[in-house]
Amino acid sequence: MDREQLSRYGTIAVIVAAAIAPIVISNLFLINLVTLMLIFVIFASAWNLLAYSGQGSLGHAAFFGIGAYASALIAGWLGLVPILAIFLGSGVAAIIGVLIGLTCVRLREWFLAMVTFGFAIIVQTITVSILAPVTGGWDGIAAPRLLSPSIPYYQLIEYYLILALTIGTIVLIWYIMKSKIGLAFSAIRENELEARASGIDPVRYRLLAFGMSAYLAGMAGALQIHHIGYITPEIFGTDLSFWPVTYVIFGGLGTLAGPVVGTVVLTIVWEGLKMAGFTFSRYVIVGIILILVIIFLPTGLVGLPKRLQDWREKRSEKQVPGKGALEE
């Protein structure tokens, strides 16, 4: 199987495992962990979509938090059910994303990344100062739960609802990557001058990528706070901006399965180290793992099967004397 097939089947395998997880797992803590993992699959996929268009962001927590706050406030002010408020809050994040894109979409990747990093800090500052009467400052505000605890099996229903949105996000991104829009993203990423010569407007497509990525990031943030039931300005933290970057690079940048595999594997490693008693040393261990992956697996974990296949082929050639000479 080629890399694309492995990515597709790997993604399907993870989705199937997530679908049967509540059946084989009775521990509510683990179910909650898998639920948050699904939310971060959406968040990482949103960042990966932006990177697929040749843009970088080190402040995606801004859109994650804007979508969350907007959804919480809309649900509280208008009395809407959270599932509707989530899509409206995501729309607010998308609008802000497009506005940020208009100001810096012509910047190169890492200049743009630094702008988004600064924007996340600015948004957090505004949230705890100017908007404190509305946002509750550092104390935060309560957010309506995605489903009322009075509903029988509400946790199970909520889990499958988030799983459905995660699957929908992956299918949407797959469709975008295979469409003319995805081809335009890829052309701009590889060579902007050639893309222009082919009649592709880089500014328009980058704005489109920024808006879609911000929307999905906002949806992930809204899902998290309605799942937890509370939101504070810590949602704009630097760590939340770097986690999707880490997940995607670890899993496989620019691939459909990369954000899924990276999020699942790193979450298991992170929580496993926590259960083993590691606290701050977890950061060191995960950092070392990430460095090793970047050095030895530059295409991420999704490239591991191909790497192993190449290694087996080379080993088999060495074990057969004269095979190379006969082929020549």
C-alpha atoms as a PDB file:
ATOM      1  CA  MET A   1       0.000   0.000   0.000  1.00  0.00           C
ATOM      2  CA  ASP A   2       1.174   3.523  -0.741  1.00  0.00           C
ATOM      3  CA  ARG A   3       1.246   6.352   1.787  1.00  0.00           C
ATOM      4  CA  GLU A   4      -2.199   7.646   0.822  1.00  0.00           C
ATOM      5  CA  GLN A   5      -3.815   4.242   1.299  1.00  0.00           C
ATOM      6  CA  LEU A   6      -2.069   3.765   4.635  1.00  0.00           C
ATOM      7  CA  SER A   7      -3.281   7.184   5.763  1.00  0.00           C
ATOM      8  CA  ARG A   8      -6.839   6.391   4.718  1.00  0.00           C
ATOM      9  CA  TYR A   9      -6.964   2.955   6.343  1.00  0.00           C
ATOM     10  CA  GLY A  10      -5.178   4.212   9.436  1.00  0.00           C
ATOM     11  CA  THR A  11      -7.724   6.993   9.849  1.00  0.00           C
ATOM     12  CA  ILE A  12     -10.603   4.535   9.391  1.00  0.00           C
ATOM     13  CA  ALA A  13      -9.056   2.185  11.975  1.00  0.00           C
ATOM     14  CA  VAL A  14      -8.803   4.986  14.548  1.00  0.00           C
ATOM     15  CA  ILE A  15     -12.417   6.028  13.891  1.00  0.00           C
ATOM     16  CA  VAL A  16     -13.651   2.450  14.281  1.00  0.00           C
ATOM     17  CA  ALA A  17     -11.691   2.100  17.532  1.00  0.00           C
ATOM     18  CA  ALA A  18     -13.227   5.348  18.803  1.00  0.00           C
ATOM     19  CA  ALA A  19     -16.707   4.142  17.851  1.00  0.00           C
ATOM     20  CA  ILE A  20     -16.427   0.958  19.909  1.00  0.00           C
ATOM     21  CA  ALA A  21     -14.492   2.536  22.785  1.00  0.00           C
ATOM     22  CA  PRO A  22     -17.550   3.181  25.019  1.00  0.00           C
ATOM     23  CA  ILE A  23     -18.610  -0.433  24.526  1.00  0.00           C
ATOM     24  CA  VAL A  24     -15.345  -1.922  25.774  1.00  0.00           C
ATOM     25  CA  ILE A  25     -14.441   0.835  28.261  1.00  0.00           C
ATOM     26  CA  SER A  26     -16.607   1.388  31.323  1.00  0.00           C
ATOM     27  CA  ASN A  27     -14.266   3.841  33.072  1.00  0.00           C
ATOM     28  CA  LEU A  28     -15.781   7.337  32.832  1.00  0.00           C
ATOM     29  CA  PHE A  29     -12.361   8.971  33.170  1.00  0.00           C
ATOM     30  CA  LEU A  30     -11.103   7.134  30.079  1.00  0.00           C
ATOM     31  CA  ILE A  31     -14.279   7.971  28.145  1.00  0.00           C
ATOM     32  CA  ASN A  32     -13.789  11.623  29.032  1.00  0.00           C
ATOM     33  CA  LEU A  33     -10.147  11.393  27.942  1.00  0.00           C
ATOM     34  CA  VAL A  34     -11.122   9.934  24.564  1.00  0.00           C
ATOM     35  CA  THR A  35     -13.758  12.660  24.178  1.00  0.00           C
ATOM     36  CA  LEU A  36     -11.154  15.388  24.695  1.00  0.00           C
ATOM     37  CA  MET A  37      -8.844  13.502  22.336  1.00  0.00           C
ATOM     38  CA  LEU A  38     -11.508  13.667  19.609  1.00  0.00           C
ATOM     39  CA  ILE A  39     -11.871  17.414  20.168  1.00  0.00           C
ATOM     40  CA  PHE A  40      -8.137  17.891  19.742  1.00  0.00           C
ATOM     41  CA  VAL A  41      -8.205  15.796  16.571  1.00  0.00           C
ATOM     42  CA  ILE A  42     -10.503  18.498  15.164  1.00  0.00           C
ATOM     43  CA  PHE A  43      -8.175  21.238  16.463  1.00  0.00           C
ATOM     44  CA  ALA A  44      -5.046  19.591  15.022  1.00  0.00           C
ATOM     45  CA  SER A  45      -6.810  18.940  11.703  1.00  0.00           C
ATOM     46  CA  ALA A  46      -7.776  22.622  11.543  1.00  0.00           C
ATOM     47  CA  TRP A  47      -4.133  23.656  11.963  1.00  0.00           C
ATOM     48  CA  ASN A  48      -3.031  21.054   9.424  1.00  0.00           C
ATOM     49  CA  LEU A  49      -5.474  22.465   6.847  1.00  0.00           C
ATOM     50  CA  LEU A  50      -3.875  25.891   7.224  1.00  0.00           C
ATOM     51  CA  ALA A  51      -0.388  24.380   6.863  1.00  0.00           C
ATOM     52  CA  TYR A  52      -1.577  22.508   3.759  1.00  0.00           C
ATOM     53  CA  SER A  53      -2.047  25.891   2.078  1.00  0.00           C
ATOM     54  CA  GLY A  54       1.531  26.875   2.915  1.00  0.00           C
ATOM     55  CA  GLN A  55       0.730  29.005   5.977  1.00  0.00           C
ATOM     56  CA  GLY A  56       1.879  28.620   9.569  1.00  0.00           C
ATOM     57  CA  SER A  57       0.284  29.617  12.860  1.00  0.00           C
ATOM     58  CA  LEU A  58       1.712  29.697  16.363  1.00  0.00           C
ATOM     59  CA  GLY A  59      -1.381  31.291  17.856  1.00  0.00           C
ATOM     60  CA  HIS A  60      -4.244  29.036  16.840  1.00  0.00           C
ATOM     61  CA  ALA A  61      -5.400  29.016  20.458  1.00  0.00           C
ATOM     62  CA  ALA A  62      -6.807  32.483  19.665  1.00  0.00           C
ATOM     63  CA  PHE A  63      -9.428  30.995  17.332  1.00  0.00           C
ATOM     64  CA  PHE A  64      -9.921  28.014  19.639  1.00  0.00           C
ATOM     65  CA  GLY A  65     -10.741  30.426  22.488  1.00  0.00           C
ATOM     66  CA  ILE A  66     -12.753  32.908  20.410  1.00  0.00           C
ATOM     67  CA  GLY A  67     -15.031  30.140  19.206  1.00  0.00           C
ATOM     68  CA  ALA A  68     -15.404  28.895  22.777  1.00  0.00           C
ATOM     69  CA  TYR A  69     -16.205  32.281  24.326  1.00  0.00           C
ATOM     70  CA  ALA A  70     -18.509  33.281  21.465  1.00  0.00           C
ATOM     71  CA  SER A  71     -20.447  30.029  21.743  1.00  0.00           C
ATOM     72  CA  ALA A  72     -20.759  30.294  25.536  1.00  0.00           C
ATOM     73  CA  LEU A  73     -21.961  33.902  25.367  1.00  0.00           C
ATOM     74  CA  ILE A  74     -24.370  33.236  22.487  1.00  0.00           C
ATOM     75  CA  ALA A  75     -25.855  30.263  24.301  1.00  0.00           C
ATOM     76  CA  GLY A  76     -26.243  32.336  27.485  1.00  0.00           C
ATOM     77  CA  TRP A  77     -27.576  35.552  25.935  1.00  0.00           C
ATOM     78  CA  LEU A  78     -29.874  34.077  23.286  1.00  0.00           C
ATOM     79  CA  GLY A  79     -30.838  30.956  25.176  1.00  0.00           C
ATOM     80  CA  LEU A  80     -29.867  28.727  22.262  1.00  0.00           C
ATOM     81  CA  VAL A  81     -29.081  25.080  22.737  1.00  0.00           C
ATOM     82  CA  PRO A  82     -25.282  24.606  22.796  1.00  0.00           C
ATOM     83  CA  ILE A  83     -25.182  22.548  19.598  1.00  0.00           C
ATOM     84  CA  LEU A  84     -26.502  25.548  17.639  1.00  0.00           C
ATOM     85  CA  ALA A  85     -24.364  28.042  19.555  1.00  0.00           C
ATOM     86  CA  ILE A  86     -21.276  26.003  18.656  1.00  0.00           C
ATOM     87  CA  PHE A  87     -21.749  26.603  14.923  1.00  0.00           C
ATOM     88  CA  LEU A  88     -22.468  30.309  15.475  1.00  0.00           C
ATOM     89  CA  GLY A  89     -19.436  30.695  17.741  1.00  0.00           C
ATOM     90  CA  SER A  90     -17.293  28.953  15.123  1.00  0.00           C
ATOM     91  CA  GLY A  91     -18.568  31.477  12.595  1.00  0.00           C
ATOM     92  CA  VAL A  92     -17.330  34.314  14.813  1.00  0.00           C
ATOM     93  CA  ALA A  93     -13.895  32.659  14.948  1.00  0.00           C
ATOM     94  CA  ALA A  94     -13.919  32.317  11.142  1.00  0.00           C
ATOM     95  CA  ILE A  95     -14.759  36.009  10.665  1.00  0.00           C
ATOM     96  CA  ILE A  96     -11.934  37.033  12.999  1.00  0.00           C
ATOM     97  CA  GLY A  97      -9.636  34.617  11.171  1.00  0.00           C
ATOM     98  CA  VAL A  98     -10.426  36.195   7.806  1.00  0.00           C
ATOM     99  CA  LEU A  99      -9.850  39.685   9.242  1.00  0.00           C
ATOM    100  CA  ILE A 100      -6.457  38.622  10.593  1.00  0.00           C
ATOM    101  CA  GLY A 101      -5.724  37.020   7.249  1.00  0.00           C
ATOM    102  CA  LEU A 102      -6.515  40.250   5.411  1.00  0.00           C
ATOM    103  CA  THR A 103      -3.853  42.078   7.409  1.00  0.00           C
ATOM    104  CA  CYS A 104      -1.044  39.540   7.095  1.00  0.00           C
ATOM    105  CA  VAL A 105      -1.915  36.984   4.412  1.00  0.00           C
ATOM    106  CA  ARG A 106       0.898  38.273   2.177  1.00  0.00           C
ATOM    107  CA  LEU A 107       3.506  37.468   4.837  1.00  0.00           C
ATOM    108  CA  ARG A 108       5.732  34.409   4.553  1.00  0.00           C
ATOM    109  CA  GLU A 109       5.029  31.348   6.675  1.00  0.00           C
ATOM    110  CA  TRP A 110       6.970  32.083   9.860  1.00  0.00           C
ATOM    111  CA  PHE A 111       6.337  35.833   9.803  1.00  0.00           C
ATOM    112  CA  LEU A 112       2.643  34.974   9.692  1.00  0.00           C
ATOM    113  CA  ALA A 113       3.181  32.456  12.504  1.00  0.00           C
ATOM    114  CA  MET A 114       4.670  35.141  14.749  1.00  0.00           C
ATOM    115  CA  VAL A 115       1.777  37.498  13.994  1.00  0.00           C
ATOM    116  CA  THR A 116      -0.757  34.861  15.035  1.00  0.00           C
ATOM    117  CA  PHE A 117       1.299  34.129  18.164  1.00  0.00           C
ATOM    118  CA  GLY A 118       1.130  37.793  19.135  1.00  0.00           C
ATOM    119  CA  PHE A 119      -2.568  37.922  18.295  1.00  0.00           C
ATOM    120  CA  ALA A 120      -3.314  35.105  20.756  1.00  0.00           C
ATOM    121  CA  ILE A 121      -1.566  37.050  23.525  1.00  0.00           C
ATOM    122  CA  ILE A 122      -3.490  40.220  22.619  1.00  0.00           C
ATOM    123  CA  VAL A 123      -6.835  38.394  22.670  1.00  0.00           C
ATOM    124  CA  GLN A 124      -6.088  36.912  26.085  1.00  0.00           C
ATOM    125  CA  THR A 125      -5.136  40.351  27.429  1.00  0.00           C
ATOM    126  CA  ILE A 126      -8.331  41.930  26.090  1.00  0.00           C
ATOM    127  CA  THR A 127     -10.401  39.073  27.535  1.00  0.00           C
ATOM    128  CA  VAL A 128      -9.099  39.615  31.072  1.00  0.00           C
ATOM    129  CA  SER A 129      -9.151  43.428  30.953  1.00  0.00           C
ATOM    130  CA  ILE A 130     -11.499  45.291  28.608  1.00  0.00           C
ATOM    131  CA  LEU A 131     -13.988  42.430  28.245  1.00  0.00           C
ATOM    132  CA  ALA A 132     -13.774  41.313  31.887  1.00  0.00           C
ATOM    133  CA  PRO A 133     -17.373  42.420  32.702  1.00  0.00           C
ATOM    134  CA  VAL A 134     -18.586  40.017  30.008  1.00  0.00           C
ATOM    135  CA  THR A 135     -15.988  37.254  30.176  1.00  0.00           C
ATOM    136  CA  GLY A 136     -15.529  37.183  33.951  1.00  0.00           C
ATOM    137  CA  GLY A 137     -11.821  38.032  33.714  1.00  0.00           C
ATOM    138  CA  TRP A 138      -9.437  35.394  35.023  1.00  0.00           C
ATOM    139  CA  ASP A 139     -12.286  33.770  36.951  1.00  0.00           C
ATOM    140  CA  GLY A 140     -14.038  32.831  33.716  1.00  0.00           C
ATOM    141  CA  ILE A 141     -17.727  32.065  33.181  1.00  0.00           C
ATOM    142  CA  ALA A 142     -19.939  29.014  33.220  1.00  0.00           C
ATOM    143  CA  ALA A 143     -20.950  27.501  29.885  1.00  0.00           C
ATOM    144  CA  PRO A 144     -24.077  25.406  29.283  1.00  0.00           C
ATOM    145  CA  ARG A 145     -23.315  21.722  29.045  1.00  0.00           C
ATOM    146  CA  LEU A 146     -23.569  20.190  25.594  1.00  0.00           C
ATOM    147  CA  LEU A 147     -26.303  17.923  26.954  1.00  0.00           C
ATOM    148  CA  SER A 148     -28.191  18.233  30.199  1.00  0.00           C
ATOM    149  CA  PRO A 149     -27.083  15.722  32.872  1.00  0.00           C
ATOM    150  CA  SER A 150     -30.784  14.993  33.386  1.00  0.00           C
ATOM    151  CA  ILE A 151     -30.884  13.184  30.034  1.00  0.00           C
ATOM    152  CA  PRO A 152     -30.389   9.420  30.463  1.00  0.00           C
ATOM    153  CA  TYR A 153     -26.965   8.278  29.202  1.00  0.00           C
ATOM    154  CA  TYR A 154     -26.108  11.887  28.380  1.00  0.00           C
ATOM    155  CA  GLN A 155     -22.355  11.196  28.526  1.00  0.00           C
ATOM    156  CA  LEU A 156     -22.631   8.418  25.954  1.00  0.00           C
ATOM    157  CA  ILE A 157     -24.804  10.539  23.656  1.00  0.00           C
ATOM    158  CA  GLU A 158     -22.411  13.465  24.011  1.00  0.00           C
ATOM    159  CA  TYR A 159     -19.466  11.224  23.165  1.00  0.00           C
ATOM    160  CA  TYR A 160     -21.039   9.975  19.935  1.00  0.00           C
ATOM    161  CA  LEU A 161     -22.133  13.496  19.004  1.00  0.00           C
ATOM    162  CA  ILE A 162     -18.534  14.718  19.281  1.00  0.00           C
ATOM    163  CA  LEU A 163     -17.339  11.625  17.417  1.00  0.00           C
ATOM    164  CA  ALA A 164     -19.788  12.407  14.592  1.00  0.00           C
ATOM    165  CA  LEU A 165     -18.488  15.982  14.361  1.00  0.00           C
ATOM    166  CA  THR A 166     -14.905  14.679  14.345  1.00  0.00           C
ATOM    167  CA  ILE A 167     -15.686  12.262  11.507  1.00  0.00           C
ATOM    168  CA  GLY A 168     -17.487  15.040   9.638  1.00  0.00           C
ATOM    169  CA  THR A 169     -14.426  17.284  10.007  1.00  0.00           C
ATOM    170  CA  ILE A 170     -12.070  14.599   8.674  1.00  0.00           C
ATOM    171  CA  VAL A 171     -14.352  13.844   5.718  1.00  0.00           C
ATOM    172  CA  LEU A 172     -14.678  17.570   4.950  1.00  0.00           C
ATOM    173  CA  ILE A 173     -10.903  18.075   4.986  1.00  0.00           C
ATOM    174  CA  TRP A 174     -10.428  14.976   2.808  1.00  0.00           C
ATOM    175  CA  TYR A 175     -12.909  16.389   0.309  1.00  0.00           C
ATOM    176  CA  ILE A 176     -11.152  19.781   0.341  1.00  0.00           C
ATOM    177  CA  MET A 177      -7.742  18.187  -0.232  1.00  0.00           C
ATOM    178  CA  LYS A 178      -9.075  16.239  -3.223  1.00  0.00           C
ATOM    179  CA  SER A 179     -10.987  19.167  -4.719  1.00  0.00           C
ATOM    180  CA  LYS A 180      -9.806  22.041  -6.919  1.00  0.00           C
ATOM    181  CA  ILE A 181      -9.443  24.096  -3.740  1.00  0.00           C
ATOM    182  CA  GLY A 182      -7.011  21.533  -2.323  1.00  0.00           C
ATOM    183  CA  LEU A 183      -5.033  21.502  -5.571  1.00  0.00           C
ATOM    184  CA  ALA A 184      -4.818  25.301  -5.390  1.00  0.00           C
ATOM    185  CA  PHE A 185      -3.626  25.094  -1.765  1.00  0.00           C
ATOM    186  CA  SER A 186      -0.963  22.572  -2.767  1.00  0.00           C
ATOM    187  CA  ALA A 187       0.177  24.651  -5.752  1.00  0.00           C
ATOM    188  CA  ILE A 188       0.525  27.784  -3.610  1.00  0.00           C
ATOM    189  CA  ARG A 189       2.446  25.857  -0.967  1.00  0.00           C
ATOM    190  CA  GLU A 190       4.882  24.339  -3.450  1.00  0.00           C
ATOM    191  CA  ASN A 191       5.523  27.353  -5.685  1.00  0.00           C
ATOM    192  CA  GLU A 192       3.557  30.583  -5.412  1.00  0.00           C
ATOM    193  CA  LEU A 193       4.984  32.075  -8.633  1.00  0.00           C
ATOM    194  CA  GLU A 194       3.975  29.056 -10.706  1.00  0.00           C
ATOM    195  CA  ALA A 195       0.563  29.079  -9.042  1.00  0.00           C
ATOM    196  CA  ARG A 196       0.066  32.702 -10.075  1.00  0.00           C
ATOM    197  CA  ALA A 197       1.146  31.866 -13.621  1.00  0.00           C
ATOM    198  CA  SER A 198      -1.519  29.141 -13.672  1.00  0.00           C
ATOM    199  CA  GLY A 199      -4.224  31.659 -12.828  1.00  0.00           C
ATOM    200  CA  ILE A 200      -4.496  30.901  -9.090  1.00  0.00           C
ATOM    201  CA  ASP A 201      -4.974  33.893  -6.788  1.00  0.00           C
ATOM    202  CA  PRO A 202      -2.831  33.092  -3.696  1.00  0.00           C
ATOM    203  CA  VAL A 203      -4.410  35.824  -1.549  1.00  0.00           C
ATOM    204  CA  ARG A 204      -7.962  34.593  -2.108  1.00  0.00           C
ATOM    205  CA  TYR A 205      -7.116  30.949  -1.441  1.00  0.00           C
ATOM    206  CA  ARG A 206      -5.019  31.755   1.624  1.00  0.00           C
ATOM    207  CA  LEU A 207      -7.898  33.768   3.058  1.00  0.00           C
ATOM    208  CA  LEU A 208     -10.195  30.831   2.357  1.00  0.00           C
ATOM    209  CA  ALA A 209      -7.803  28.468   4.143  1.00  0.00           C
ATOM    210  CA  PHE A 210      -7.488  30.870   7.072  1.00  0.00           C
ATOM    211  CA  GLY A 211     -11.270  31.184   7.405  1.00  0.00           C
ATOM    212  CA  MET A 212     -11.924  27.432   7.223  1.00  0.00           C
ATOM    213  CA  SER A 213      -9.107  26.637   9.646  1.00  0.00           C
ATOM    214  CA  ALA A 214     -10.294  29.282  12.127  1.00  0.00           C
ATOM    215  CA  TYR A 215     -13.862  27.946  11.874  1.00  0.00           C
ATOM    216  CA  LEU A 216     -12.828  24.375  12.690  1.00  0.00           C
ATOM    217  CA  ALA A 217     -10.525  25.552  15.494  1.00  0.00           C
ATOM    218  CA  GLY A 218     -13.387  27.599  16.932  1.00  0.00           C
ATOM    219  CA  MET A 219     -15.681  24.588  16.756  1.00  0.00           C
ATOM    220  CA  ALA A 220     -13.131  22.493  18.658  1.00  0.00           C
ATOM    221  CA  GLY A 221     -12.880  25.163  21.361  1.00  0.00           C
ATOM    222  CA  ALA A 222     -16.652  25.461  21.646  1.00  0.00           C
ATOM    223  CA  LEU A 223     -17.035  21.684  21.943  1.00  0.00           C
ATOM    224  CA  GLN A 224     -14.467  21.564  24.734  1.00  0.00           C
ATOM    225  CA  ILE A 225     -16.009  24.257  26.910  1.00  0.00           C
ATOM    226  CA  HIS A 226     -19.556  22.945  26.452  1.00  0.00           C
ATOM    227  CA  HIS A 227     -18.250  19.495  27.342  1.00  0.00           C
ATOM    228  CA  ILE A 228     -16.488  20.786  30.463  1.00  0.00           C
ATOM    229  CA  GLY A 229     -19.101  23.402  31.376  1.00  0.00           C
ATOM    230  CA  TYR A 230     -16.696  26.238  32.188  1.00  0.00           C
ATOM    231  CA  ILE A 231     -14.286  28.549  30.383  1.00  0.00           C
ATOM    232  CA  THR A 232     -11.388  30.736  31.536  1.00  0.00           C
ATOM    233  CA  PRO A 233      -8.807  32.865  29.644  1.00  0.00           C
ATOM    234  CA  GLU A 234      -6.310  30.039  30.065  1.00  0.00           C
ATOM    235  CA  ILE A 235      -7.874  28.678  26.882  1.00  0.00           C
ATOM    236  CA  PHE A 236      -5.693  31.191  25.005  1.00  0.00           C
ATOM    237  CA  GLY A 237      -2.532  29.789  26.613  1.00  0.00           C
ATOM    238  CA  THR A 238       0.668  29.258  24.639  1.00  0.00           C
ATOM    239  CA  ASP A 239       0.562  25.512  25.273  1.00  0.00           C
ATOM    240  CA  LEU A 240      -2.775  25.237  23.470  1.00  0.00           C
ATOM    241  CA  SER A 241      -1.236  26.956  20.449  1.00  0.00           C
ATOM    242  CA  PHE A 242       1.698  24.555  20.326  1.00  0.00           C
ATOM    243  CA  TRP A 243      -0.174  21.287  20.901  1.00  0.00           C
ATOM    244  CA  PRO A 244      -1.779  21.119  17.422  1.00  0.00           C
ATOM    245  CA  VAL A 245       1.608  21.906  15.847  1.00  0.00           C
ATOM    246  CA  THR A 246       3.173  19.077  17.848  1.00  0.00           C
ATOM    247  CA  TYR A 247       0.383  16.622  17.025  1.00  0.00           C
ATOM    248  CA  VAL A 248       0.565  17.325  13.292  1.00  0.00           C
ATOM    249  CA  ILE A 249       4.364  17.201  12.979  1.00  0.00           C
ATOM    250  CA  PHE A 250       4.451  14.031  15.082  1.00  0.00           C
ATOM    251  CA  GLY A 251       1.740  12.342  13.014  1.00  0.00           C
ATOM    252  CA  GLY A 252       2.562  13.641   9.550  1.00  0.00           C
ATOM    253  CA  LEU A 253       2.379  17.189   8.223  1.00  0.00           C
ATOM    254  CA  GLY A 254       0.061  17.708   5.266  1.00  0.00           C
ATOM    255  CA  THR A 255      -1.584  14.280   5.493  1.00  0.00           C
ATOM    256  CA  LEU A 256      -5.146  13.412   6.396  1.00  0.00           C
ATOM    257  CA  ALA A 257      -4.152  10.840   9.001  1.00  0.00           C
ATOM    258  CA  GLY A 258      -1.299  12.866  10.503  1.00  0.00           C
ATOM    259  CA  PRO A 259      -3.367  14.938  12.966  1.00  0.00           C
ATOM    260  CA  VAL A 260      -5.393  11.864  13.951  1.00  0.00           C
ATOM    261  CA  VAL A 261      -2.423   9.564  14.546  1.00  0.00           C
ATOM    262  CA  GLY A 262      -0.343  12.266  16.201  1.00  0.00           C
ATOM    263  CA  THR A 263      -3.105  13.296  18.602  1.00  0.00           C
ATOM    264  CA  VAL A 264      -3.959   9.732  19.588  1.00  0.00           C
ATOM    265  CA  VAL A 265      -0.379   8.508  20.095  1.00  0.00           C
ATOM    266  CA  LEU A 266       0.884  11.602  21.919  1.00  0.00           C
ATOM    267  CA  THR A 267      -2.198  11.719  24.163  1.00  0.00           C
ATOM    268  CA  ILE A 268      -1.660   8.080  25.132  1.00  0.00           C
ATOM    269  CA  VAL A 269       2.039   8.745  25.808  1.00  0.00           C
ATOM    270  CA  TRP A 270       1.278  11.942  27.760  1.00  0.00           C
ATOM    271  CA  GLU A 271      -1.395  10.392  29.959  1.00  0.00           C
ATOM    272  CA  GLY A 272       0.609   7.183  30.365  1.00  0.00           C
ATOM    273  CA  LEU A 273       3.569   9.161  31.690  1.00  0.00           C
ATOM    274  CA  LYS A 274       1.238  11.023  34.027  1.00  0.00           C
ATOM    275  CA  MET A 275      -0.171   7.775  35.414  1.00  0.00           C
ATOM    276  CA  ALA A 276       3.403   6.492  35.838  1.00  0.00           C
ATOM    277  CA  GLY A 277       4.168   9.413  38.145  1.00  0.00           C
ATOM    278  CA  PHE A 278       6.000  11.726  35.756  1.00  0.00           C
ATOM    279  CA  THR A 279       5.054  15.403  36.089  1.00  0.00           C
ATOM    280  CA  PHE A 280       7.284  18.100  34.611  1.00  0.00           C
ATOM    281  CA  SER A 281       9.623  15.469  33.201  1.00  0.00           C
ATOM    282  CA  ARG A 282       6.829  14.575  30.769  1.00  0.00           C
ATOM    283  CA  TYR A 283       7.686  17.686  28.774  1.00  0.00           C
ATOM    284  CA  VAL A 284      11.304  16.566  28.468  1.00  0.00           C
ATOM    285  CA  ILE A 285      10.368  13.035  27.400  1.00  0.00           C
ATOM    286  CA  VAL A 286       7.807  14.182  24.840  1.00  0.00           C
ATOM    287  CA  GLY A 287      10.303  16.765  23.552  1.00  0.00           C
ATOM    288  CA  ILE A 288      12.945  14.068  23.038  1.00  0.00           C
ATOM    289  CA  ILE A 289      10.412  11.843  21.252  1.00  0.00           C
ATOM    290  CA  LEU A 290       9.438  14.715  18.967  1.00  0.00           C
ATOM    291  CA  ILE A 291      13.095  15.463  18.132  1.00  0.00           C
ATOM    292  CA  LEU A 292      13.732  11.804  17.291  1.00  0.00           C
ATOM    293  CA  VAL A 293      10.662  11.696  15.041  1.00  0.00           C
ATOM    294  CA  ILE A 294      11.726  14.856  13.202  1.00  0.00           C
ATOM    295  CA  ILE A 295      15.254  13.479  12.650  1.00  0.00           C
ATOM    296  CA  PHE A 296      14.459   9.860  11.744  1.00  0.00           C
ATOM    297  CA  LEU A 297      10.856  10.193  10.490  1.00  0.00           C
ATOM    298  CA  PRO A 298      10.563  13.608   8.823  1.00  0.00           C
ATOM    299  CA  THR A 299       7.227  12.541   7.300  1.00  0.00           C
ATOM    300  CA  GLY A 300       5.850  11.670  10.746  1.00  0.00           C
ATOM    301  CA  LEU A 301       4.453   8.417  12.084  1.00  0.00           C
ATOM    302  CA  VAL A 302       2.369   7.905   8.932  1.00  0.00           C
ATOM    303  CA  GLY A 303       5.676   7.424   7.097  1.00  0.00           C
ATOM    304  CA  LEU A 304       6.834   4.658   9.461  1.00  0.00           C
ATOM    305  CA  PRO A 305       5.337   1.717   7.452  1.00  0.00           C
ATOM    306  CA  LYS A 306       7.090   2.915   4.279  1.00  0.00           C
ATOM    307  CA  ARG A 307      10.342   3.367   6.188  1.00  0.00           C
ATOM    308  CA  LEU A 308      10.089  -0.180   7.577  1.00  0.00           C
ATOM    309  CA  GLN A 309       9.275  -1.547   4.127  1.00  0.00           C
ATOM    310  CA  ASP A 310      12.350   0.125   2.616  1.00  0.00           C
ATOM    311  CA  TRP A 311      14.484  -1.204   5.460  1.00  0.00           C
ATOM    312  CA  ARG A 312      13.203  -4.792   4.901  1.00  0.00           C
ATOM    313  CA  GLU A 313      13.854  -4.566   1.164  1.00  0.00           C
ATOM    314  CA  LYS A 314      17.419  -3.358   1.686  1.00  0.00           C
ATOM    315  CA  ARG A 315      18.012  -6.088   4.242  1.00  0.00           C
ATOM    316  CA  SER A 316      16.676  -8.798   1.916  1.00  0.00           C
ATOM    317  CA  GLU A 317      18.920  -7.542  -0.899  1.00  0.00           C
ATOM    318  CA  LYS A 318      21.974  -7.849   1.352  1.00  0.00           C
ATOM    319  CA  GLN A 319      20.988 -11.390   2.318  1.00  0.00           C
ATOM    320  CA  VAL A 320      20.829 -12.529  -1.325  1.00  0.00           C
ATOM    321  CA  PRO A 321      24.438 -12.626  -2.683  1.00  0.00           C
ATOM    322  CA  GLY A 322      24.844 -11.131  -6.111  1.00  0.00           C
ATOM    323  CA  LYS A 323      21.233  -9.974  -6.390  1.00  0.00           C
ATOM    324  CA  GLY A 324      22.205  -6.404  -7.213  1.00  0.00           C
ATOM    325  CA  ALA A 325      24.707  -7.575  -9.866  1.00  0.00           C
ATOM    326  CA  LEU A 326      22.179  -9.921 -11.518  1.00  0.00           C
ATOM    327  CA  GLU A 327      19.599  -7.129 -11.712  1.00  0.00           C
ATOM    328  CA  GLU A 328      22.178  -4.922 -13.423  1.00  0.00           C
END
